[in-house]
Amino acid sequence: MIAPKVKLAAVVAATVLALAGAPASAEKWDMPMAYSASNFHSEMGVVFADKVRDYTGGKIDITVHPGGSLFKGGEIKRAIQTGQVPIGERFMSAHANEAPLLGWDNLPFVATTYEDNERLWQAAKDKVNAQLSDLNLVALYTCPWPGQGFYFKKEVNSSKDTQGVKFRSYNTATATFAEALGMIPVQVEAAELSQALATGVAEAFISSGSTGYDRKVWEHLTHYYKVNAWLPRNYVMVNKQVWEGLDGDTRAAIQKAADETGAACAAKSEELANWYFEQLEANGMKVQDAGPEFLAELKAIGAKMTQDWLDTVGPDGQEILDAYNASKN
């Protein structure tokens, strides 16, 4: 029989060894995300958190809070800026009102494929990061949504069919599109979309197949028009002071996790793009390309929106587009 003192000494020794292998100053980070836990952006957020925990040896322990459960989508950026949480995710163009440059990814029909969207991001990246730094933020990785198309509860062939429709908008670009088509924009977060459709607050919206699938919009809507107007990007951002307060090795480990997750997330988005359309059709929605008259109207609106963006942003915007166009040659 082992004496109690010997047993106690063994327990203490084992505890000391365990603590010696643990990080001396583990930090717990809460990471709010706006989309449902089953959305690929949120799933990739968990992948990122796991990689960070692994690559930092447990020094940074991130807990993901999807679906606007910790902060609503519109609150996430400010929560990070003000240090209420160190890290989180939001779609970049949601901040275009505050910083118009951040609408770079919502220029209609400028970059309509994943390859071109990546070229546009590379052209915009340095200027975007400089803008985010001014907002007390650091972007760790970005990830595109599939191309944006229109959801309606009726057949739409032109703007004659869209007059007075209550249209869910999620940023300046979508509200502009709505108004140009004679619709009434209503600001609705993705987490609140199902309720808005069920109660008639919104009757239509522009988004990817992902949002339609996640929110089961076939319960309220009937038509999806493939337009591929743009591929907006979400980004995972961290508070600038928190980031700069980390040691170099920890920053490098987190950035490695971010780079790997960003690449995997973009690949997942592209992989799912057509699958979402199949799911919408399987649940009774009519999925089709926009008709020539409707598409021509959208492209005319898009050209004006791009010019308005250039007029607002100035030389930085033109340099982004020039660099993007040069990268395609």
Protein backbone atom coordinates (compact mmCIF):
# COMPACT_ATOMS: atom_id res chain seq x y z
CA MET A 1 0.00 0.00 0.00
CA ILE A 2 1.33 3.46 -0.96
CA ALA A 3 1.53 5.89 1.91
CA PRO A 4 -0.71 9.02 1.63
CA LYS A 5 2.31 11.37 1.67
CA VAL A 6 3.94 9.48 -1.20
CA LYS A 7 0.69 9.61 -3.20
CA LEU A 8 0.36 13.34 -2.55
CA ALA A 9 3.94 13.95 -3.66
CA ALA A 10 3.28 12.07 -6.88
CA VAL A 11 0.18 14.16 -7.59
CA VAL A 12 2.06 17.39 -6.93
CA ALA A 13 4.92 16.31 -9.19
CA ALA A 14 2.51 15.40 -11.98
CA THR A 15 0.76 18.78 -11.63
CA VAL A 16 4.06 20.64 -11.80
CA LEU A 17 5.05 18.75 -14.93
CA ALA A 18 1.69 19.49 -16.54
CA LEU A 19 1.95 23.17 -15.75
CA ALA A 20 5.50 23.28 -17.06
CA GLY A 21 4.21 22.12 -20.43
CA ALA A 22 1.42 24.70 -20.53
CA PRO A 23 1.86 28.28 -21.74
CA ALA A 24 2.81 30.66 -18.96
CA SER A 25 0.37 33.38 -19.97
CA ALA A 26 -2.47 31.83 -21.97
CA GLU A 27 -4.88 34.48 -23.28
CA LYS A 28 -8.54 33.73 -23.92
CA TRP A 29 -9.97 35.61 -26.91
CA ASP A 30 -13.66 35.81 -27.74
CA MET A 31 -14.30 36.00 -31.49
CA PRO A 32 -17.78 37.20 -32.55
CA MET A 33 -18.98 36.25 -36.03
CA ALA A 34 -22.20 37.35 -37.71
CA TYR A 35 -23.21 34.21 -39.59
CA SER A 36 -24.71 30.91 -38.45
CA ALA A 37 -22.50 28.16 -37.08
CA SER A 38 -23.17 26.04 -40.19
CA ASN A 39 -22.06 28.77 -42.62
CA PHE A 40 -18.66 28.08 -44.17
CA HIS A 41 -17.25 31.39 -42.90
CA SER A 42 -18.11 30.43 -39.32
CA GLU A 43 -16.81 26.90 -39.82
CA MET A 44 -13.53 28.35 -41.07
CA GLY A 45 -13.45 30.62 -38.03
CA VAL A 46 -13.34 27.48 -35.89
CA VAL A 47 -10.59 26.04 -38.09
CA PHE A 48 -8.63 29.26 -37.61
CA ALA A 49 -9.12 29.18 -33.83
CA ASP A 50 -7.89 25.59 -33.69
CA LYS A 51 -4.83 26.45 -35.76
CA VAL A 52 -4.02 29.44 -33.57
CA ARG A 53 -4.28 27.30 -30.45
CA ASP A 54 -2.00 24.73 -32.06
CA TYR A 55 0.58 27.08 -33.57
CA THR A 56 0.89 29.24 -30.43
CA GLY A 57 1.19 26.21 -28.18
CA GLY A 58 -2.02 27.18 -26.42
CA LYS A 59 -0.84 30.70 -25.67
CA ILE A 60 -3.84 32.18 -27.53
CA ASP A 61 -7.13 30.35 -26.96
CA ILE A 62 -9.91 31.65 -29.25
CA THR A 63 -13.60 30.90 -28.65
CA VAL A 64 -15.80 31.49 -31.71
CA HIS A 65 -19.29 32.97 -31.18
CA PRO A 66 -21.26 32.58 -34.46
CA GLY A 67 -24.67 33.88 -35.47
CA GLY A 68 -24.37 37.31 -33.85
CA SER A 69 -24.65 35.60 -30.47
CA LEU A 70 -22.05 37.76 -28.71
CA PHE A 71 -22.36 40.96 -30.75
CA LYS A 72 -24.73 41.57 -33.65
CA GLY A 73 -23.11 41.94 -37.05
CA GLY A 74 -23.33 45.72 -37.04
CA GLU A 75 -21.69 45.88 -33.61
CA ILE A 76 -18.68 43.65 -34.22
CA LYS A 77 -16.24 46.15 -35.72
CA ARG A 78 -16.76 48.71 -32.97
CA ALA A 79 -16.45 46.04 -30.30
CA ILE A 80 -13.01 45.18 -31.69
CA GLN A 81 -11.95 48.82 -32.19
CA THR A 82 -12.81 49.67 -28.59
CA GLY A 83 -11.25 46.57 -27.09
CA GLN A 84 -14.47 44.90 -25.91
CA VAL A 85 -13.20 41.84 -27.77
CA PRO A 86 -9.77 41.41 -29.37
CA ILE A 87 -10.87 39.74 -32.60
CA GLY A 88 -13.90 39.14 -34.81
CA GLU A 89 -15.27 38.89 -38.33
CA ARG A 90 -17.41 41.17 -40.50
CA PHE A 91 -17.90 41.74 -44.21
CA MET A 92 -15.62 44.54 -45.27
CA SER A 93 -18.01 46.64 -47.31
CA ALA A 94 -20.27 47.06 -44.28
CA HIS A 95 -17.83 49.82 -43.30
CA ALA A 96 -17.90 51.68 -46.62
CA ASN A 97 -20.03 54.45 -45.12
CA GLU A 98 -17.24 55.24 -42.68
CA ALA A 99 -14.37 54.53 -45.07
CA PRO A 100 -15.49 54.41 -48.75
CA LEU A 101 -12.27 52.67 -49.82
CA LEU A 102 -13.56 49.55 -48.05
CA GLY A 103 -16.23 49.21 -50.72
CA TRP A 104 -13.54 48.02 -53.15
CA ASP A 105 -15.11 44.55 -53.32
CA ASN A 106 -18.62 45.79 -54.18
CA LEU A 107 -17.88 47.31 -57.58
CA PRO A 108 -20.52 45.69 -59.79
CA PHE A 109 -19.31 43.50 -62.66
CA VAL A 110 -15.65 44.51 -62.18
CA ALA A 111 -14.39 41.18 -60.81
CA THR A 112 -16.98 38.42 -61.24
CA THR A 113 -14.85 35.26 -60.93
CA TYR A 114 -12.84 33.92 -58.01
CA GLU A 115 -9.64 34.42 -59.97
CA ASP A 116 -10.44 38.04 -60.77
CA ASN A 117 -11.67 38.67 -57.24
CA GLU A 118 -8.31 37.52 -55.91
CA ARG A 119 -6.54 39.82 -58.39
CA LEU A 120 -8.68 42.73 -57.21
CA TRP A 121 -7.90 41.92 -53.56
CA GLN A 122 -4.17 41.85 -54.27
CA ALA A 123 -4.48 45.23 -55.99
CA ALA A 124 -6.44 46.68 -53.06
CA LYS A 125 -4.71 44.93 -50.17
CA ASP A 126 -2.05 47.48 -49.21
CA LYS A 127 -4.42 50.44 -49.33
CA VAL A 128 -7.10 48.52 -47.47
CA ASN A 129 -4.66 47.56 -44.73
CA ALA A 130 -3.53 51.17 -44.39
CA GLN A 131 -7.17 52.27 -44.06
CA LEU A 132 -7.87 49.59 -41.45
CA SER A 133 -4.81 50.66 -39.48
CA ASP A 134 -6.31 54.16 -39.26
CA LEU A 135 -9.43 52.50 -37.82
CA ASN A 136 -7.36 50.72 -35.14
CA LEU A 137 -7.74 47.36 -36.89
CA VAL A 138 -5.49 44.75 -38.48
CA ALA A 139 -6.86 42.30 -41.07
CA LEU A 140 -5.62 38.75 -40.51
CA TYR A 141 -7.37 37.06 -43.43
CA THR A 142 -10.17 37.67 -45.90
CA CYS A 143 -12.50 35.24 -47.64
CA PRO A 144 -14.88 35.82 -50.57
CA TRP A 145 -18.52 34.88 -50.71
CA PRO A 146 -19.84 33.30 -53.90
CA GLY A 147 -21.12 35.75 -56.52
CA GLN A 148 -24.13 37.87 -55.64
CA GLY A 149 -27.53 37.37 -57.26
CA PHE A 150 -31.12 38.47 -56.67
CA TYR A 151 -33.83 36.73 -54.67
CA PHE A 152 -37.49 37.54 -55.36
CA LYS A 153 -40.89 36.03 -54.69
CA LYS A 154 -42.00 36.56 -58.26
CA GLU A 155 -40.67 36.53 -61.80
CA VAL A 156 -38.58 39.61 -62.60
CA ASN A 157 -37.64 40.58 -66.15
CA SER A 158 -36.78 44.25 -65.66
CA SER A 159 -37.09 47.17 -63.27
CA LYS A 160 -40.77 47.36 -64.22
CA ASP A 161 -41.22 44.32 -61.96
CA THR A 162 -39.29 45.70 -58.99
CA GLN A 163 -41.07 48.96 -58.25
CA GLY A 164 -41.95 49.38 -54.57
CA VAL A 165 -40.49 46.02 -53.51
CA LYS A 166 -39.08 46.04 -49.95
CA PHE A 167 -35.46 45.07 -50.44
CA ARG A 168 -33.12 43.83 -47.72
CA SER A 169 -29.85 45.75 -47.97
CA TYR A 170 -26.63 44.99 -46.09
CA ASN A 171 -24.43 47.93 -47.14
CA THR A 172 -24.28 51.08 -49.26
CA ALA A 173 -23.90 49.20 -52.55
CA THR A 174 -26.96 47.02 -52.05
CA ALA A 175 -29.06 50.01 -50.97
CA THR A 176 -27.93 51.90 -54.08
CA PHE A 177 -28.90 48.99 -56.32
CA ALA A 178 -32.31 48.81 -54.66
CA GLU A 179 -33.05 52.50 -55.08
CA ALA A 180 -31.92 52.51 -58.71
CA LEU A 181 -34.37 49.67 -59.40
CA GLY A 182 -37.25 51.49 -57.69
CA MET A 183 -37.15 49.30 -54.60
CA ILE A 184 -37.23 50.34 -50.93
CA PRO A 185 -34.01 49.37 -49.08
CA VAL A 186 -34.36 48.01 -45.56
CA GLN A 187 -31.25 47.31 -43.46
CA VAL A 188 -31.44 43.71 -42.19
CA GLU A 189 -28.62 41.59 -40.75
CA ALA A 190 -28.24 38.03 -42.04
CA ALA A 191 -29.17 36.58 -38.65
CA GLU A 192 -32.50 38.44 -38.82
CA LEU A 193 -33.26 37.73 -42.48
CA SER A 194 -35.65 34.79 -42.00
CA GLN A 195 -37.82 36.79 -39.62
CA ALA A 196 -37.78 39.82 -41.95
CA LEU A 197 -38.98 37.69 -44.86
CA ALA A 198 -41.61 35.93 -42.75
CA THR A 199 -43.07 39.21 -41.49
CA GLY A 200 -42.90 41.08 -44.79
CA VAL A 201 -40.27 43.55 -43.61
CA ALA A 202 -38.29 42.45 -46.66
CA GLU A 203 -39.51 40.82 -49.88
CA ALA A 204 -36.30 40.51 -51.87
CA PHE A 205 -32.52 40.80 -51.51
CA ILE A 206 -29.19 40.35 -53.24
CA SER A 207 -26.77 37.81 -51.85
CA SER A 208 -25.00 34.56 -52.66
CA GLY A 209 -26.58 31.13 -52.73
CA SER A 210 -25.00 30.62 -49.31
CA THR A 211 -27.24 33.06 -47.48
CA GLY A 212 -30.34 31.70 -49.19
CA TYR A 213 -29.44 28.17 -48.19
CA ASP A 214 -28.50 29.05 -44.62
CA ARG A 215 -31.74 30.98 -44.05
CA LYS A 216 -34.00 28.51 -45.97
CA VAL A 217 -35.45 31.36 -47.99
CA TRP A 218 -37.43 28.95 -50.17
CA GLU A 219 -39.98 29.09 -47.36
CA HIS A 220 -40.79 32.66 -48.44
CA LEU A 221 -39.28 33.31 -51.90
CA THR A 222 -39.54 31.61 -55.29
CA HIS A 223 -36.91 32.95 -57.71
CA TYR A 224 -33.13 33.36 -57.69
CA TYR A 225 -31.46 35.23 -60.55
CA LYS A 226 -27.79 34.49 -61.11
CA VAL A 227 -26.07 37.81 -61.74
CA ASN A 228 -22.63 37.34 -60.17
CA ALA A 229 -22.47 41.09 -59.63
CA TRP A 230 -19.54 40.90 -57.21
CA LEU A 231 -17.87 38.56 -54.70
CA PRO A 232 -17.85 40.46 -51.39
CA ARG A 233 -15.29 39.58 -48.76
CA ASN A 234 -15.53 38.89 -45.06
CA TYR A 235 -12.46 39.59 -43.04
CA VAL A 236 -11.16 38.51 -39.66
CA MET A 237 -9.74 41.51 -37.87
CA VAL A 238 -7.91 42.08 -34.62
CA ASN A 239 -7.58 45.16 -32.43
CA LYS A 240 -4.39 46.98 -33.45
CA GLN A 241 -3.14 47.52 -29.88
CA VAL A 242 -3.73 43.88 -29.02
CA TRP A 243 -1.87 42.81 -32.15
CA GLU A 244 1.09 45.10 -31.54
CA GLY A 245 1.24 43.96 -27.91
CA LEU A 246 1.98 40.38 -28.93
CA ASP A 247 5.55 39.16 -29.27
CA GLY A 248 6.90 38.49 -32.75
CA ASP A 249 6.70 34.69 -32.52
CA THR A 250 3.06 34.79 -31.48
CA ARG A 251 2.15 37.20 -34.27
CA ALA A 252 3.94 34.97 -36.78
CA ALA A 253 2.08 31.90 -35.51
CA ILE A 254 -1.30 33.63 -35.72
CA GLN A 255 -0.54 34.98 -39.20
CA LYS A 256 0.44 31.50 -40.37
CA ALA A 257 -2.92 30.22 -39.14
CA ALA A 258 -4.64 33.14 -40.85
CA ASP A 259 -2.90 32.64 -44.20
CA GLU A 260 -3.75 28.95 -44.25
CA THR A 261 -7.35 29.54 -43.22
CA GLY A 262 -7.89 32.32 -45.75
CA ALA A 263 -6.71 30.08 -48.60
CA ALA A 264 -8.83 27.16 -47.40
CA CYS A 265 -11.89 29.41 -46.96
CA ALA A 266 -11.63 30.80 -50.51
CA ALA A 267 -11.34 27.26 -51.88
CA LYS A 268 -14.37 26.18 -49.85
CA SER A 269 -16.39 29.14 -51.12
CA GLU A 270 -15.65 28.24 -54.73
CA GLU A 271 -16.39 24.57 -54.09
CA LEU A 272 -19.81 25.40 -52.60
CA ALA A 273 -20.96 28.04 -55.10
CA ASN A 274 -22.84 25.72 -57.50
CA TRP A 275 -23.85 23.34 -54.70
CA TYR A 276 -25.88 26.13 -53.11
CA PHE A 277 -27.78 26.62 -56.38
CA GLU A 278 -28.54 22.90 -56.46
CA GLN A 279 -29.91 23.08 -52.93
CA LEU A 280 -32.12 26.06 -53.73
CA GLU A 281 -33.54 24.19 -56.73
CA ALA A 282 -33.98 21.00 -54.72
CA ASN A 283 -36.13 22.97 -52.30
CA GLY A 284 -38.40 24.34 -55.01
CA MET A 285 -36.82 27.61 -56.05
CA LYS A 286 -36.43 28.56 -59.70
CA VAL A 287 -32.72 29.32 -60.25
CA GLN A 288 -31.82 30.96 -63.55
CA ASP A 289 -29.64 33.57 -65.21
CA ALA A 290 -31.02 37.10 -65.20
CA GLY A 291 -32.75 37.99 -68.46
CA PRO A 292 -31.04 40.31 -70.97
CA GLU A 293 -33.17 43.39 -70.18
CA PHE A 294 -32.73 43.06 -66.41
CA LEU A 295 -29.00 42.33 -66.76
CA ALA A 296 -28.48 45.34 -69.02
CA GLU A 297 -30.17 47.58 -66.45
CA LEU A 298 -28.02 46.13 -63.67
CA LYS A 299 -24.80 46.68 -65.63
CA ALA A 300 -25.75 50.31 -66.34
CA ILE A 301 -26.40 50.87 -62.64
CA GLY A 302 -23.14 49.10 -61.81
CA ALA A 303 -21.09 51.31 -64.13
CA LYS A 304 -22.48 54.40 -62.42
CA MET A 305 -21.80 52.92 -58.97
CA THR A 306 -18.17 52.24 -59.88
CA GLN A 307 -17.74 55.79 -61.15
CA ASP A 308 -19.37 57.19 -58.01
CA TRP A 309 -16.96 55.11 -55.91
CA LEU A 310 -13.98 56.45 -57.85
CA ASP A 311 -15.24 60.01 -57.44
CA THR A 312 -15.60 59.50 -53.69
CA VAL A 313 -12.39 57.60 -52.99
CA GLY A 314 -10.17 59.58 -55.37
CA PRO A 315 -6.69 58.55 -56.57
CA ASP A 316 -6.44 55.51 -54.29
CA GLY A 317 -9.48 53.98 -55.95
CA GLN A 318 -8.17 54.63 -59.45
CA GLU A 319 -4.80 53.13 -58.51
CA ILE A 320 -6.54 49.97 -57.27
CA LEU A 321 -8.48 49.56 -60.51
CA ASP A 322 -5.43 50.38 -62.64
CA ALA A 323 -3.36 47.77 -60.80
CA TYR A 324 -6.18 45.23 -61.11
CA ASN A 325 -6.60 45.82 -64.85
CA ALA A 326 -2.85 45.59 -65.36
CA SER A 327 -2.79 42.24 -63.53
CA LYS A 328 -5.20 40.76 -66.07
CA ASN A 329 -2.95 41.56 -69.04
